[in-house]
Amino acid sequence: MAIPKYQVEMIRLDDETVMITKINTLTGKTNTYYRGGKKAKEVYEYIEGIGNKGAIQEDIRAKSIVIVNDEGQEVIRLGSFQDGNGIIGITDKAGALVVSMGADKDGGKIGLFNKAGTSIANMVANENDNGEIRVFNKSGKAIGSLP
């Protein structure tokens, strides 16, 4: 999954100023942009209007969406493989991948990983349109499967 070049860290609004802080994920540099005057007031009023109406946006369109915890650590990533199929990755607070869900040419797949990052179980739709479940020990050795 591709990492986005920029990540918005913070947006602050008041009726006089719009401040957007973004981080370049490649260099770690932070840039802050300020907008004042009439445009800032229009943006503020627009966002306040949405909030007051309780409006819900129909769609969010992005190549990837990253959810972080209070410490700023990535815990969920929604995105796509290079082949265009979707993937969801869930990590623990230490950053280890513990659950993955995705799609491929045969259908869906779900993977579970232990805290060391070793695959311990997966469920997939196979090339015959059947389901398969595979279980592995903590070393990654297969110990069971269905069918």
N, C-alpha and C. Protein backbone atom coordinates (compact mmCIF):
# COMPACT_ATOMS: atom_id res chain seq x y z
N MET A 1 0.84 -1.17 0.00
CA MET A 1 0.00 0.00 0.00
C MET A 1 0.89 1.24 0.00
N ALA A 2 0.58 2.20 -0.83
CA ALA A 2 1.38 3.41 -0.93
C ALA A 2 1.11 4.33 0.25
N ILE A 3 2.16 4.96 0.74
CA ILE A 3 2.04 5.92 1.83
C ILE A 3 1.83 7.29 1.19
N PRO A 4 0.81 8.05 1.66
CA PRO A 4 0.58 9.36 1.07
C PRO A 4 1.74 10.31 1.37
N LYS A 5 2.03 11.24 0.45
CA LYS A 5 3.14 12.16 0.63
C LYS A 5 2.88 13.14 1.77
N TYR A 6 1.64 13.59 1.93
CA TYR A 6 1.31 14.54 2.98
C TYR A 6 0.20 13.99 3.86
N GLN A 7 0.28 14.34 5.12
CA GLN A 7 -0.75 13.98 6.08
C GLN A 7 -1.16 15.26 6.80
N VAL A 8 -2.45 15.55 6.84
CA VAL A 8 -2.92 16.73 7.56
C VAL A 8 -2.86 16.43 9.04
N GLU A 9 -2.13 17.27 9.77
CA GLU A 9 -1.99 17.07 11.20
C GLU A 9 -3.08 17.81 11.97
N MET A 10 -3.41 19.01 11.50
CA MET A 10 -4.34 19.80 12.28
C MET A 10 -5.00 20.85 11.39
N ILE A 11 -6.25 21.12 11.66
CA ILE A 11 -6.96 22.23 11.03
C ILE A 11 -7.62 23.02 12.15
N ARG A 12 -7.35 24.30 12.20
CA ARG A 12 -7.97 25.17 13.20
C ARG A 12 -8.72 26.28 12.47
N LEU A 13 -9.89 26.56 12.96
CA LEU A 13 -10.73 27.58 12.34
C LEU A 13 -11.27 28.52 13.39
N ASP A 14 -11.35 29.77 13.05
CA ASP A 14 -12.18 30.71 13.77
C ASP A 14 -12.71 31.68 12.73
N ASP A 15 -13.45 32.66 13.12
CA ASP A 15 -14.06 33.52 12.11
C ASP A 15 -13.08 34.47 11.45
N GLU A 16 -11.81 34.48 11.89
CA GLU A 16 -10.80 35.37 11.32
C GLU A 16 -9.71 34.63 10.55
N THR A 17 -9.40 33.37 10.95
CA THR A 17 -8.24 32.68 10.40
C THR A 17 -8.51 31.20 10.19
N VAL A 18 -7.95 30.66 9.11
CA VAL A 18 -7.93 29.22 8.87
C VAL A 18 -6.46 28.82 8.93
N MET A 19 -6.14 27.84 9.76
CA MET A 19 -4.76 27.36 9.86
C MET A 19 -4.75 25.87 9.58
N ILE A 20 -3.96 25.44 8.59
CA ILE A 20 -3.83 24.03 8.25
C ILE A 20 -2.37 23.64 8.41
N THR A 21 -2.12 22.60 9.20
CA THR A 21 -0.76 22.09 9.37
C THR A 21 -0.70 20.72 8.75
N LYS A 22 0.29 20.53 7.84
CA LYS A 22 0.44 19.22 7.23
C LYS A 22 1.89 18.77 7.35
N ILE A 23 2.07 17.44 7.35
CA ILE A 23 3.39 16.83 7.49
C ILE A 23 3.74 16.12 6.19
N ASN A 24 4.95 16.33 5.70
CA ASN A 24 5.46 15.57 4.56
C ASN A 24 5.90 14.23 5.11
N THR A 25 5.21 13.15 4.74
CA THR A 25 5.49 11.82 5.31
C THR A 25 6.83 11.26 4.85
N LEU A 26 7.41 11.84 3.81
CA LEU A 26 8.71 11.38 3.32
C LEU A 26 9.86 12.05 4.05
N THR A 27 9.72 13.37 4.33
CA THR A 27 10.81 14.12 4.95
C THR A 27 10.57 14.43 6.42
N GLY A 28 9.32 14.37 6.86
CA GLY A 28 8.98 14.71 8.24
C GLY A 28 8.82 16.19 8.48
N LYS A 29 9.02 17.02 7.44
CA LYS A 29 8.89 18.47 7.59
C LYS A 29 7.42 18.85 7.73
N THR A 30 7.19 19.83 8.59
CA THR A 30 5.83 20.33 8.83
C THR A 30 5.67 21.69 8.18
N ASN A 31 4.56 21.89 7.49
CA ASN A 31 4.23 23.18 6.90
C ASN A 31 2.89 23.64 7.45
N THR A 32 2.82 24.92 7.79
CA THR A 32 1.58 25.49 8.29
C THR A 32 1.15 26.61 7.35
N TYR A 33 -0.11 26.58 6.99
CA TYR A 33 -0.66 27.58 6.08
C TYR A 33 -1.73 28.38 6.83
N TYR A 34 -1.70 29.67 6.67
CA TYR A 34 -2.68 30.54 7.29
C TYR A 34 -3.45 31.26 6.20
N ARG A 35 -4.72 31.43 6.41
CA ARG A 35 -5.54 32.21 5.52
C ARG A 35 -6.38 33.13 6.39
N GLY A 36 -6.39 34.38 6.06
CA GLY A 36 -7.17 35.32 6.85
C GLY A 36 -8.15 36.06 5.97
N GLY A 37 -8.87 36.97 6.58
CA GLY A 37 -9.78 37.84 5.84
C GLY A 37 -11.07 37.17 5.42
N LYS A 38 -11.61 37.65 4.31
CA LYS A 38 -12.92 37.24 3.84
C LYS A 38 -12.99 35.74 3.57
N LYS A 39 -11.95 35.15 2.93
CA LYS A 39 -11.97 33.73 2.59
C LYS A 39 -12.03 32.88 3.87
N ALA A 40 -11.26 33.24 4.88
CA ALA A 40 -11.28 32.51 6.14
C ALA A 40 -12.67 32.56 6.76
N LYS A 41 -13.28 33.74 6.71
CA LYS A 41 -14.63 33.88 7.26
C LYS A 41 -15.63 33.00 6.51
N GLU A 42 -15.51 32.92 5.17
CA GLU A 42 -16.41 32.08 4.38
C GLU A 42 -16.23 30.60 4.73
N VAL A 43 -14.98 30.16 4.85
CA VAL A 43 -14.71 28.76 5.21
C VAL A 43 -15.28 28.47 6.59
N TYR A 44 -15.02 29.36 7.54
CA TYR A 44 -15.51 29.17 8.90
C TYR A 44 -17.04 29.08 8.92
N GLU A 45 -17.71 29.99 8.25
CA GLU A 45 -19.18 29.98 8.23
C GLU A 45 -19.72 28.73 7.56
N TYR A 46 -19.05 28.29 6.50
CA TYR A 46 -19.49 27.08 5.81
C TYR A 46 -19.39 25.87 6.75
N ILE A 47 -18.26 25.72 7.40
CA ILE A 47 -18.08 24.57 8.31
C ILE A 47 -19.00 24.68 9.50
N GLU A 48 -19.15 25.86 10.07
CA GLU A 48 -20.09 26.04 11.17
C GLU A 48 -21.51 25.69 10.72
N GLY A 49 -21.89 26.09 9.52
CA GLY A 49 -23.22 25.77 8.99
C GLY A 49 -23.44 24.29 8.87
N ILE A 50 -22.43 23.56 8.40
CA ILE A 50 -22.55 22.11 8.30
C ILE A 50 -22.73 21.51 9.68
N GLY A 51 -21.92 21.96 10.62
CA GLY A 51 -22.01 21.44 11.98
C GLY A 51 -23.35 21.70 12.62
N ASN A 52 -23.89 22.90 12.40
CA ASN A 52 -25.18 23.25 12.99
C ASN A 52 -26.34 22.50 12.36
N LYS A 53 -26.20 22.10 11.10
CA LYS A 53 -27.26 21.37 10.43
C LYS A 53 -27.16 19.87 10.67
N GLY A 54 -26.06 19.44 11.24
CA GLY A 54 -25.87 18.01 11.46
C GLY A 54 -25.70 17.25 10.15
N ALA A 55 -25.17 17.91 9.13
CA ALA A 55 -25.04 17.28 7.82
C ALA A 55 -24.00 16.15 7.87
N ILE A 56 -24.26 15.12 7.11
CA ILE A 56 -23.35 13.99 7.00
C ILE A 56 -22.91 13.92 5.54
N GLN A 57 -21.62 13.86 5.34
CA GLN A 57 -21.10 13.76 3.99
C GLN A 57 -21.41 12.38 3.44
N GLU A 58 -21.86 12.31 2.19
CA GLU A 58 -22.21 11.05 1.57
C GLU A 58 -21.01 10.14 1.36
N ASP A 59 -19.93 10.67 0.80
CA ASP A 59 -18.75 9.89 0.46
C ASP A 59 -17.50 10.62 0.87
N ILE A 60 -16.49 9.86 1.24
CA ILE A 60 -15.14 10.38 1.41
C ILE A 60 -14.31 9.63 0.38
N ARG A 61 -13.66 10.35 -0.51
CA ARG A 61 -12.88 9.72 -1.57
C ARG A 61 -11.41 10.02 -1.34
N ALA A 62 -10.63 8.95 -1.23
CA ALA A 62 -9.19 9.08 -1.01
C ALA A 62 -8.51 7.81 -1.47
N LYS A 63 -7.23 7.89 -1.77
CA LYS A 63 -6.48 6.69 -2.13
C LYS A 63 -6.19 5.86 -0.90
N SER A 64 -6.06 6.50 0.24
CA SER A 64 -5.92 5.77 1.50
C SER A 64 -6.41 6.65 2.63
N ILE A 65 -6.84 6.01 3.69
CA ILE A 65 -7.26 6.71 4.90
C ILE A 65 -6.53 6.06 6.06
N VAL A 66 -5.91 6.86 6.89
CA VAL A 66 -5.16 6.36 8.04
C VAL A 66 -5.82 6.87 9.31
N ILE A 67 -6.09 5.95 10.23
CA ILE A 67 -6.63 6.30 11.54
C ILE A 67 -5.49 6.17 12.55
N VAL A 68 -5.31 7.19 13.39
CA VAL A 68 -4.26 7.16 14.40
C VAL A 68 -4.87 7.22 15.80
N ASN A 69 -4.12 6.73 16.78
CA ASN A 69 -4.58 6.81 18.17
C ASN A 69 -4.17 8.16 18.77
N ASP A 70 -4.42 8.36 20.06
CA ASP A 70 -4.12 9.63 20.71
C ASP A 70 -2.64 9.98 20.67
N GLU A 71 -1.78 8.99 20.54
CA GLU A 71 -0.33 9.23 20.48
C GLU A 71 0.14 9.50 19.05
N GLY A 72 -0.78 9.47 18.08
CA GLY A 72 -0.43 9.72 16.70
C GLY A 72 0.06 8.49 15.95
N GLN A 73 -0.03 7.32 16.58
CA GLN A 73 0.43 6.08 15.95
C GLN A 73 -0.66 5.53 15.04
N GLU A 74 -0.26 5.09 13.87
CA GLU A 74 -1.20 4.51 12.92
C GLU A 74 -1.76 3.21 13.50
N VAL A 75 -3.09 3.08 13.52
CA VAL A 75 -3.72 1.85 14.01
C VAL A 75 -4.63 1.19 12.98
N ILE A 76 -5.10 1.95 12.00
CA ILE A 76 -5.93 1.40 10.93
C ILE A 76 -5.54 2.10 9.63
N ARG A 77 -5.41 1.32 8.56
CA ARG A 77 -5.14 1.89 7.24
C ARG A 77 -6.10 1.24 6.25
N LEU A 78 -6.81 2.07 5.51
CA LEU A 78 -7.68 1.61 4.44
C LEU A 78 -7.04 2.07 3.15
N GLY A 79 -6.92 1.18 2.19
CA GLY A 79 -6.28 1.58 0.95
C GLY A 79 -6.49 0.56 -0.14
N SER A 80 -5.56 0.54 -1.08
CA SER A 80 -5.67 -0.41 -2.18
C SER A 80 -4.30 -0.97 -2.52
N PHE A 81 -4.30 -2.22 -3.00
CA PHE A 81 -3.10 -2.83 -3.54
C PHE A 81 -2.77 -2.19 -4.86
N GLN A 82 -1.58 -2.46 -5.39
CA GLN A 82 -1.21 -1.93 -6.71
C GLN A 82 -2.13 -2.47 -7.80
N ASP A 83 -2.74 -3.66 -7.57
CA ASP A 83 -3.65 -4.22 -8.58
C ASP A 83 -5.04 -3.60 -8.53
N GLY A 84 -5.27 -2.66 -7.60
CA GLY A 84 -6.54 -1.96 -7.52
C GLY A 84 -7.54 -2.55 -6.54
N ASN A 85 -7.25 -3.71 -5.96
CA ASN A 85 -8.15 -4.30 -4.96
C ASN A 85 -7.95 -3.63 -3.61
N GLY A 86 -9.00 -3.64 -2.79
CA GLY A 86 -8.97 -2.96 -1.50
C GLY A 86 -8.32 -3.78 -0.40
N ILE A 87 -7.82 -3.06 0.62
CA ILE A 87 -7.21 -3.70 1.79
C ILE A 87 -7.46 -2.84 3.03
N ILE A 88 -7.61 -3.52 4.16
CA ILE A 88 -7.70 -2.87 5.46
C ILE A 88 -6.66 -3.53 6.34
N GLY A 89 -5.82 -2.75 6.98
CA GLY A 89 -4.84 -3.27 7.92
C GLY A 89 -5.07 -2.67 9.29
N ILE A 90 -5.05 -3.50 10.33
CA ILE A 90 -5.21 -3.04 11.70
C ILE A 90 -3.97 -3.43 12.47
N THR A 91 -3.38 -2.44 13.17
CA THR A 91 -2.18 -2.70 13.95
C THR A 91 -2.46 -2.48 15.43
N ASP A 92 -1.62 -3.10 16.27
CA ASP A 92 -1.73 -2.82 17.70
C ASP A 92 -0.97 -1.53 18.01
N LYS A 93 -1.01 -1.08 19.27
CA LYS A 93 -0.38 0.21 19.59
C LYS A 93 1.14 0.17 19.44
N ALA A 94 1.72 -1.03 19.36
CA ALA A 94 3.16 -1.14 19.13
C ALA A 94 3.51 -1.08 17.64
N GLY A 95 2.49 -1.07 16.78
CA GLY A 95 2.71 -0.96 15.35
C GLY A 95 2.72 -2.28 14.61
N ALA A 96 2.49 -3.40 15.32
CA ALA A 96 2.48 -4.71 14.66
C ALA A 96 1.14 -4.95 13.98
N LEU A 97 1.18 -5.42 12.73
CA LEU A 97 -0.03 -5.78 12.01
C LEU A 97 -0.68 -6.99 12.70
N VAL A 98 -1.95 -6.88 13.08
CA VAL A 98 -2.64 -7.98 13.76
C VAL A 98 -3.83 -8.51 12.97
N VAL A 99 -4.41 -7.70 12.08
CA VAL A 99 -5.53 -8.14 11.25
C VAL A 99 -5.39 -7.48 9.88
N SER A 100 -5.61 -8.28 8.83
CA SER A 100 -5.68 -7.70 7.49
C SER A 100 -6.90 -8.28 6.79
N MET A 101 -7.54 -7.46 6.01
CA MET A 101 -8.68 -7.88 5.19
C MET A 101 -8.47 -7.30 3.81
N GLY A 102 -8.75 -8.11 2.81
CA GLY A 102 -8.54 -7.61 1.47
C GLY A 102 -9.30 -8.40 0.43
N ALA A 103 -9.08 -8.03 -0.80
CA ALA A 103 -9.72 -8.69 -1.93
C ALA A 103 -8.65 -9.02 -2.96
N ASP A 104 -8.89 -10.11 -3.70
CA ASP A 104 -8.04 -10.45 -4.83
C ASP A 104 -8.91 -11.04 -5.93
N LYS A 105 -8.30 -11.60 -6.96
CA LYS A 105 -9.06 -12.10 -8.11
C LYS A 105 -10.04 -13.21 -7.74
N ASP A 106 -9.81 -13.91 -6.62
CA ASP A 106 -10.67 -15.02 -6.21
C ASP A 106 -11.76 -14.60 -5.23
N GLY A 107 -11.64 -13.43 -4.62
CA GLY A 107 -12.63 -12.99 -3.64
C GLY A 107 -11.97 -12.34 -2.45
N GLY A 108 -12.55 -12.57 -1.27
CA GLY A 108 -12.06 -11.93 -0.05
C GLY A 108 -11.06 -12.78 0.71
N LYS A 109 -10.31 -12.11 1.60
CA LYS A 109 -9.36 -12.80 2.46
C LYS A 109 -9.22 -12.03 3.77
N ILE A 110 -9.02 -12.79 4.84
CA ILE A 110 -8.81 -12.22 6.17
C ILE A 110 -7.60 -12.91 6.78
N GLY A 111 -6.70 -12.15 7.36
CA GLY A 111 -5.53 -12.72 8.00
C GLY A 111 -5.42 -12.24 9.44
N LEU A 112 -5.03 -13.14 10.33
CA LEU A 112 -4.75 -12.81 11.73
C LEU A 112 -3.28 -13.07 12.01
N PHE A 113 -2.66 -12.17 12.76
CA PHE A 113 -1.25 -12.26 13.07
C PHE A 113 -1.03 -12.15 14.57
N ASN A 114 -0.01 -12.86 15.09
CA ASN A 114 0.30 -12.71 16.51
C ASN A 114 1.12 -11.44 16.72
N LYS A 115 1.44 -11.13 17.99
CA LYS A 115 2.14 -9.88 18.28
C LYS A 115 3.54 -9.83 17.67
N ALA A 116 4.10 -10.98 17.30
CA ALA A 116 5.41 -11.02 16.64
C ALA A 116 5.29 -10.78 15.13
N GLY A 117 4.04 -10.70 14.61
CA GLY A 117 3.82 -10.46 13.19
C GLY A 117 3.71 -11.72 12.35
N THR A 118 3.67 -12.89 13.02
CA THR A 118 3.56 -14.16 12.30
C THR A 118 2.10 -14.46 12.00
N SER A 119 1.82 -14.89 10.77
CA SER A 119 0.46 -15.26 10.40
C SER A 119 0.05 -16.50 11.19
N ILE A 120 -1.08 -16.42 11.92
CA ILE A 120 -1.55 -17.57 12.71
C ILE A 120 -2.87 -18.13 12.21
N ALA A 121 -3.59 -17.38 11.37
CA ALA A 121 -4.84 -17.89 10.80
C ALA A 121 -5.20 -17.05 9.59
N ASN A 122 -5.79 -17.70 8.60
CA ASN A 122 -6.34 -16.94 7.49
C ASN A 122 -7.55 -17.65 6.91
N MET A 123 -8.41 -16.87 6.34
CA MET A 123 -9.62 -17.35 5.71
C MET A 123 -9.68 -16.70 4.33
N VAL A 124 -9.84 -17.53 3.30
CA VAL A 124 -9.81 -17.01 1.94
C VAL A 124 -10.89 -17.64 1.07
N ALA A 125 -11.29 -16.93 0.05
CA ALA A 125 -12.09 -17.50 -1.03
C ALA A 125 -11.07 -17.99 -2.05
N ASN A 126 -11.15 -19.29 -2.42
CA ASN A 126 -10.14 -19.83 -3.34
C ASN A 126 -10.58 -19.76 -4.79
N GLU A 127 -9.71 -20.24 -5.68
CA GLU A 127 -9.96 -20.16 -7.12
C GLU A 127 -11.16 -20.99 -7.57
N ASN A 128 -11.64 -21.92 -6.74
CA ASN A 128 -12.81 -22.73 -7.06
C ASN A 128 -14.09 -22.17 -6.46
N ASP A 129 -14.03 -20.94 -5.96
CA ASP A 129 -15.16 -20.26 -5.31
C ASP A 129 -15.57 -20.94 -4.01
N ASN A 130 -14.66 -21.68 -3.41
CA ASN A 130 -14.89 -22.29 -2.10
C ASN A 130 -14.14 -21.50 -1.04
N GLY A 131 -14.52 -21.71 0.21
CA GLY A 131 -13.81 -21.08 1.30
C GLY A 131 -12.74 -22.00 1.87
N GLU A 132 -11.66 -21.41 2.36
CA GLU A 132 -10.60 -22.16 3.03
C GLU A 132 -10.25 -21.46 4.32
N ILE A 133 -9.98 -22.24 5.35
CA ILE A 133 -9.49 -21.71 6.62
C ILE A 133 -8.20 -22.43 6.94
N ARG A 134 -7.16 -21.68 7.24
CA ARG A 134 -5.87 -22.27 7.58
C ARG A 134 -5.42 -21.71 8.92
N VAL A 135 -4.84 -22.60 9.75
CA VAL A 135 -4.36 -22.21 11.08
C VAL A 135 -2.89 -22.59 11.18
N PHE A 136 -2.10 -21.70 11.79
CA PHE A 136 -0.66 -21.90 11.91
C PHE A 136 -0.24 -21.76 13.38
N ASN A 137 0.88 -22.38 13.74
CA ASN A 137 1.39 -22.21 15.11
C ASN A 137 2.17 -20.89 15.19
N LYS A 138 2.71 -20.59 16.36
CA LYS A 138 3.37 -19.29 16.55
C LYS A 138 4.63 -19.13 15.70
N SER A 139 5.13 -20.23 15.15
CA SER A 139 6.28 -20.17 14.26
C SER A 139 5.88 -20.05 12.80
N GLY A 140 4.59 -20.10 12.51
CA GLY A 140 4.11 -19.99 11.14
C GLY A 140 3.92 -21.32 10.43
N LYS A 141 4.13 -22.43 11.16
CA LYS A 141 3.95 -23.76 10.56
C LYS A 141 2.47 -24.12 10.55
N ALA A 142 1.98 -24.62 9.40
CA ALA A 142 0.58 -25.00 9.27
C ALA A 142 0.24 -26.14 10.23
N ILE A 143 -0.85 -25.98 10.98
CA ILE A 143 -1.27 -27.04 11.92
C ILE A 143 -2.70 -27.52 11.65
N GLY A 144 -3.40 -26.88 10.71
CA GLY A 144 -4.74 -27.33 10.38
C GLY A 144 -5.34 -26.50 9.27
N SER A 145 -6.31 -27.12 8.57
CA SER A 145 -7.01 -26.38 7.52
C SER A 145 -8.36 -27.02 7.23
N LEU A 146 -9.25 -26.22 6.69
CA LEU A 146 -10.56 -26.66 6.23
C LEU A 146 -10.76 -26.06 4.84
N PRO A 147 -11.26 -26.65 3.86
CA PRO A 147 -11.43 -28.09 3.70
C PRO A 147 -10.12 -28.77 3.40
